[in-house]
Amino acid sequence: MSPEQLKKLQQLNQLFAQGSAGPKQVKQLSALLAEINQLASWPEENIKQTLPSH
């Protein structure tokens, strides 16, 4: 997770904790988490592509 992603996640977390998050923030959180998950799984997928299947 990049520092920018962490900062955005913390900002969204605060809005949700305060109960002031709306549909826009839900979409932002969803997109951010998808981006983080995609980056987190990339090396694993890359390894699977380079190793021969048995």
PDB file of N, CA and C in Angstrom:
ATOM      1  N   MET A   1       0.863  -1.171   0.000  1.00  0.00           N
ATOM      2  CA  MET A   1       0.000   0.000   0.000  1.00  0.00           C
ATOM      3  C   MET A   1       0.904   1.227   0.000  1.00  0.00           C
ATOM      4  N   SER A   2       0.590   2.141  -0.886  1.00  0.00           N
ATOM      5  CA  SER A   2       1.388   3.362  -0.971  1.00  0.00           C
ATOM      6  C   SER A   2       1.003   4.333   0.150  1.00  0.00           C
ATOM      7  N   PRO A   3       1.868   5.288   0.433  1.00  0.00           N
ATOM      8  CA  PRO A   3       1.530   6.293   1.451  1.00  0.00           C
ATOM      9  C   PRO A   3       0.260   7.076   1.098  1.00  0.00           C
ATOM     10  N   GLU A   4       0.055   7.317  -0.189  1.00  0.00           N
ATOM     11  CA  GLU A   4      -1.148   8.043  -0.615  1.00  0.00           C
ATOM     12  C   GLU A   4      -2.402   7.215  -0.359  1.00  0.00           C
ATOM     13  N   GLN A   5      -2.315   5.921  -0.640  1.00  0.00           N
ATOM     14  CA  GLN A   5      -3.451   5.036  -0.401  1.00  0.00           C
ATOM     15  C   GLN A   5      -3.758   4.944   1.088  1.00  0.00           C
ATOM     16  N   LEU A   6      -2.721   4.858   1.896  1.00  0.00           N
ATOM     17  CA  LEU A   6      -2.916   4.799   3.343  1.00  0.00           C
ATOM     18  C   LEU A   6      -3.582   6.071   3.849  1.00  0.00           C
ATOM     19  N   LYS A   7      -3.151   7.215   3.364  1.00  0.00           N
ATOM     20  CA  LYS A   7      -3.737   8.494   3.786  1.00  0.00           C
ATOM     21  C   LYS A   7      -5.216   8.550   3.408  1.00  0.00           C
ATOM     22  N   LYS A   8      -5.542   8.136   2.183  1.00  0.00           N
ATOM     23  CA  LYS A   8      -6.934   8.153   1.728  1.00  0.00           C
ATOM     24  C   LYS A   8      -7.783   7.184   2.559  1.00  0.00           C
ATOM     25  N   LEU A   9      -7.215   6.019   2.861  1.00  0.00           N
ATOM     26  CA  LEU A   9      -7.927   5.034   3.668  1.00  0.00           C
ATOM     27  C   LEU A   9      -8.207   5.579   5.066  1.00  0.00           C
ATOM     28  N   GLN A  10      -7.252   6.269   5.638  1.00  0.00           N
ATOM     29  CA  GLN A  10      -7.435   6.863   6.959  1.00  0.00           C
ATOM     30  C   GLN A  10      -8.508   7.953   6.927  1.00  0.00           C
ATOM     31  N   GLN A  11      -8.526   8.743   5.866  1.00  0.00           N
ATOM     32  CA  GLN A  11      -9.543   9.793   5.734  1.00  0.00           C
ATOM     33  C   GLN A  11     -10.940   9.181   5.623  1.00  0.00           C
ATOM     34  N   LEU A  12     -11.054   8.155   4.798  1.00  0.00           N
ATOM     35  CA  LEU A  12     -12.349   7.493   4.641  1.00  0.00           C
ATOM     36  C   LEU A  12     -12.768   6.814   5.940  1.00  0.00           C
ATOM     37  N   ASN A  13     -11.826   6.202   6.625  1.00  0.00           N
ATOM     38  CA  ASN A  13     -12.119   5.549   7.903  1.00  0.00           C
ATOM     39  C   ASN A  13     -12.710   6.551   8.891  1.00  0.00           C
ATOM     40  N   GLN A  14     -12.142   7.732   8.929  1.00  0.00           N
ATOM     41  CA  GLN A  14     -12.636   8.764   9.843  1.00  0.00           C
ATOM     42  C   GLN A  14     -14.077   9.154   9.503  1.00  0.00           C
ATOM     43  N   LEU A  15     -14.358   9.305   8.210  1.00  0.00           N
ATOM     44  CA  LEU A  15     -15.724   9.660   7.804  1.00  0.00           C
ATOM     45  C   LEU A  15     -16.718   8.569   8.197  1.00  0.00           C
ATOM     46  N   PHE A  16     -16.334   7.311   7.983  1.00  0.00           N
ATOM     47  CA  PHE A  16     -17.215   6.204   8.349  1.00  0.00           C
ATOM     48  C   PHE A  16     -17.408   6.137   9.859  1.00  0.00           C
ATOM     49  N   ALA A  17     -16.336   6.361  10.613  1.00  0.00           N
ATOM     50  CA  ALA A  17     -16.416   6.325  12.075  1.00  0.00           C
ATOM     51  C   ALA A  17     -17.333   7.417  12.606  1.00  0.00           C
ATOM     52  N   GLN A  18     -17.343   8.560  11.940  1.00  0.00           N
ATOM     53  CA  GLN A  18     -18.188   9.675  12.351  1.00  0.00           C
ATOM     54  C   GLN A  18     -19.632   9.507  11.881  1.00  0.00           C
ATOM     55  N   GLY A  19     -19.853   8.548  10.998  1.00  0.00           N
ATOM     56  CA  GLY A  19     -21.189   8.336  10.457  1.00  0.00           C
ATOM     57  C   GLY A  19     -21.559   9.336   9.378  1.00  0.00           C
ATOM     58  N   SER A  20     -20.558  10.011   8.826  1.00  0.00           N
ATOM     59  CA  SER A  20     -20.853  11.040   7.824  1.00  0.00           C
ATOM     60  C   SER A  20     -20.497  10.608   6.401  1.00  0.00           C
ATOM     61  N   ALA A  21     -20.178   9.337   6.213  1.00  0.00           N
ATOM     62  CA  ALA A  21     -19.854   8.843   4.875  1.00  0.00           C
ATOM     63  C   ALA A  21     -21.135   8.609   4.091  1.00  0.00           C
ATOM     64  N   GLY A  22     -21.087   9.001   2.834  1.00  0.00           N
ATOM     65  CA  GLY A  22     -22.236   8.814   1.951  1.00  0.00           C
ATOM     66  C   GLY A  22     -21.901   7.860   0.821  1.00  0.00           C
ATOM     67  N   PRO A  23     -22.781   7.769  -0.163  1.00  0.00           N
ATOM     68  CA  PRO A  23     -22.557   6.863  -1.302  1.00  0.00           C
ATOM     69  C   PRO A  23     -21.239   7.140  -2.038  1.00  0.00           C
ATOM     70  N   LYS A  24     -20.869   8.399  -2.130  1.00  0.00           N
ATOM     71  CA  LYS A  24     -19.616   8.745  -2.814  1.00  0.00           C
ATOM     72  C   LYS A  24     -18.418   8.130  -2.084  1.00  0.00           C
ATOM     73  N   GLN A  25     -18.431   8.192  -0.748  1.00  0.00           N
ATOM     74  CA  GLN A  25     -17.334   7.641   0.034  1.00  0.00           C
ATOM     75  C   GLN A  25     -17.321   6.112  -0.025  1.00  0.00           C
ATOM     76  N   VAL A  26     -18.497   5.499  -0.109  1.00  0.00           N
ATOM     77  CA  VAL A  26     -18.571   4.042  -0.243  1.00  0.00           C
ATOM     78  C   VAL A  26     -17.910   3.626  -1.557  1.00  0.00           C
ATOM     79  N   LYS A  27     -18.201   4.359  -2.628  1.00  0.00           N
ATOM     80  CA  LYS A  27     -17.588   4.060  -3.925  1.00  0.00           C
ATOM     81  C   LYS A  27     -16.080   4.286  -3.880  1.00  0.00           C
ATOM     82  N   GLN A  28     -15.649   5.357  -3.211  1.00  0.00           N
ATOM     83  CA  GLN A  28     -14.216   5.634  -3.094  1.00  0.00           C
ATOM     84  C   GLN A  28     -13.517   4.515  -2.319  1.00  0.00           C
ATOM     85  N   LEU A  29     -14.135   4.076  -1.232  1.00  0.00           N
ATOM     86  CA  LEU A  29     -13.554   3.015  -0.420  1.00  0.00           C
ATOM     87  C   LEU A  29     -13.481   1.717  -1.223  1.00  0.00           C
ATOM     88  N   SER A  30     -14.528   1.398  -1.938  1.00  0.00           N
ATOM     89  CA  SER A  30     -14.559   0.191  -2.746  1.00  0.00           C
ATOM     90  C   SER A  30     -13.449   0.211  -3.800  1.00  0.00           C
ATOM     91  N   ALA A  31     -13.303   1.336  -4.493  1.00  0.00           N
ATOM     92  CA  ALA A  31     -12.273   1.460  -5.521  1.00  0.00           C
ATOM     93  C   ALA A  31     -10.876   1.380  -4.911  1.00  0.00           C
ATOM     94  N   LEU A  32     -10.691   2.019  -3.776  1.00  0.00           N
ATOM     95  CA  LEU A  32      -9.395   2.008  -3.111  1.00  0.00           C
ATOM     96  C   LEU A  32      -9.020   0.602  -2.663  1.00  0.00           C
ATOM     97  N   LEU A  33      -9.961  -0.110  -2.058  1.00  0.00           N
ATOM     98  CA  LEU A  33      -9.689  -1.469  -1.605  1.00  0.00           C
ATOM     99  C   LEU A  33      -9.415  -2.408  -2.780  1.00  0.00           C
ATOM    100  N   ALA A  34     -10.141  -2.226  -3.872  1.00  0.00           N
ATOM    101  CA  ALA A  34      -9.894  -3.044  -5.064  1.00  0.00           C
ATOM    102  C   ALA A  34      -8.489  -2.785  -5.599  1.00  0.00           C
ATOM    103  N   GLU A  35      -8.088  -1.533  -5.612  1.00  0.00           N
ATOM    104  CA  GLU A  35      -6.752  -1.166  -6.078  1.00  0.00           C
ATOM    105  C   GLU A  35      -5.680  -1.775  -5.174  1.00  0.00           C
ATOM    106  N   ILE A  36      -5.881  -1.678  -3.873  1.00  0.00           N
ATOM    107  CA  ILE A  36      -4.920  -2.238  -2.914  1.00  0.00           C
ATOM    108  C   ILE A  36      -4.853  -3.754  -3.065  1.00  0.00           C
ATOM    109  N   ASN A  37      -5.997  -4.403  -3.191  1.00  0.00           N
ATOM    110  CA  ASN A  37      -6.027  -5.860  -3.334  1.00  0.00           C
ATOM    111  C   ASN A  37      -5.369  -6.306  -4.629  1.00  0.00           C
ATOM    112  N   GLN A  38      -5.589  -5.552  -5.698  1.00  0.00           N
ATOM    113  CA  GLN A  38      -4.985  -5.897  -6.977  1.00  0.00           C
ATOM    114  C   GLN A  38      -3.462  -5.801  -6.881  1.00  0.00           C
ATOM    115  N   LEU A  39      -2.963  -4.761  -6.253  1.00  0.00           N
ATOM    116  CA  LEU A  39      -1.521  -4.596  -6.096  1.00  0.00           C
ATOM    117  C   LEU A  39      -0.944  -5.667  -5.178  1.00  0.00           C
ATOM    118  N   ALA A  40      -1.688  -6.023  -4.153  1.00  0.00           N
ATOM    119  CA  ALA A  40      -1.210  -7.020  -3.199  1.00  0.00           C
ATOM    120  C   ALA A  40      -1.136  -8.406  -3.840  1.00  0.00           C
ATOM    121  N   SER A  41      -2.009  -8.702  -4.773  1.00  0.00           N
ATOM    122  CA  SER A  41      -2.026 -10.031  -5.378  1.00  0.00           C
ATOM    123  C   SER A  41      -1.163 -10.103  -6.631  1.00  0.00           C
ATOM    124  N   TRP A  42      -0.685  -8.976  -7.126  1.00  0.00           N
ATOM    125  CA  TRP A  42       0.084  -8.995  -8.359  1.00  0.00           C
ATOM    126  C   TRP A  42       1.321  -9.869  -8.303  1.00  0.00           C
ATOM    127  N   PRO A  43       2.173  -9.764  -7.287  1.00  0.00           N
ATOM    128  CA  PRO A  43       3.366 -10.611  -7.280  1.00  0.00           C
ATOM    129  C   PRO A  43       3.039 -12.105  -7.285  1.00  0.00           C
ATOM    130  N   GLU A  44       1.998 -12.505  -6.566  1.00  0.00           N
ATOM    131  CA  GLU A  44       1.601 -13.907  -6.538  1.00  0.00           C
ATOM    132  C   GLU A  44       1.182 -14.379  -7.921  1.00  0.00           C
ATOM    133  N   GLU A  45       0.406 -13.575  -8.633  1.00  0.00           N
ATOM    134  CA  GLU A  45      -0.018 -13.924  -9.983  1.00  0.00           C
ATOM    135  C   GLU A  45       1.187 -13.988 -10.917  1.00  0.00           C
ATOM    136  N   ASN A  46       2.100 -13.074 -10.727  1.00  0.00           N
ATOM    137  CA  ASN A  46       3.298 -13.036 -11.550  1.00  0.00           C
ATOM    138  C   ASN A  46       4.125 -14.297 -11.344  1.00  0.00           C
ATOM    139  N   ILE A  47       4.220 -14.747 -10.101  1.00  0.00           N
ATOM    140  CA  ILE A  47       4.957 -15.980  -9.792  1.00  0.00           C
ATOM    141  C   ILE A  47       4.287 -17.175 -10.458  1.00  0.00           C
ATOM    142  N   LYS A  48       2.964 -17.232 -10.384  1.00  0.00           N
ATOM    143  CA  LYS A  48       2.247 -18.355 -10.977  1.00  0.00           C
ATOM    144  C   LYS A  48       2.463 -18.414 -12.491  1.00  0.00           C
ATOM    145  N   GLN A  49       2.585 -17.261 -13.127  1.00  0.00           N
ATOM    146  CA  GLN A  49       2.787 -17.226 -14.581  1.00  0.00           C
ATOM    147  C   GLN A  49       4.183 -17.690 -14.951  1.00  0.00           C
ATOM    148  N   THR A  50       5.159 -17.491 -14.092  1.00  0.00           N
ATOM    149  CA  THR A  50       6.526 -17.857 -14.406  1.00  0.00           C
ATOM    150  C   THR A  50       6.874 -19.289 -14.056  1.00  0.00           C
ATOM    151  N   LEU A  51       6.109 -19.910 -13.152  1.00  0.00           N
ATOM    152  CA  LEU A  51       6.367 -21.287 -12.773  1.00  0.00           C
ATOM    153  C   LEU A  51       5.567 -22.239 -13.651  1.00  0.00           C
ATOM    154  N   PRO A  52       6.153 -23.361 -14.045  1.00  0.00           N
ATOM    155  CA  PRO A  52       5.413 -24.325 -14.860  1.00  0.00           C
ATOM    156  C   PRO A  52       4.326 -25.010 -14.028  1.00  0.00           C
ATOM    157  N   SER A  53       3.205 -25.289 -14.662  1.00  0.00           N
ATOM    158  CA  SER A  53       2.107 -25.999 -13.990  1.00  0.00           C
ATOM    159  C   SER A  53       2.389 -27.490 -13.975  1.00  0.00           C
ATOM    160  N   HIS A  54       1.980 -28.156 -12.882  1.00  0.00           N
ATOM    161  CA  HIS A  54       2.199 -29.600 -12.770  1.00  0.00           C
ATOM    162  C   HIS A  54       0.897 -30.316 -12.870  1.00  0.00           C
TER     163      HIS A  54
END
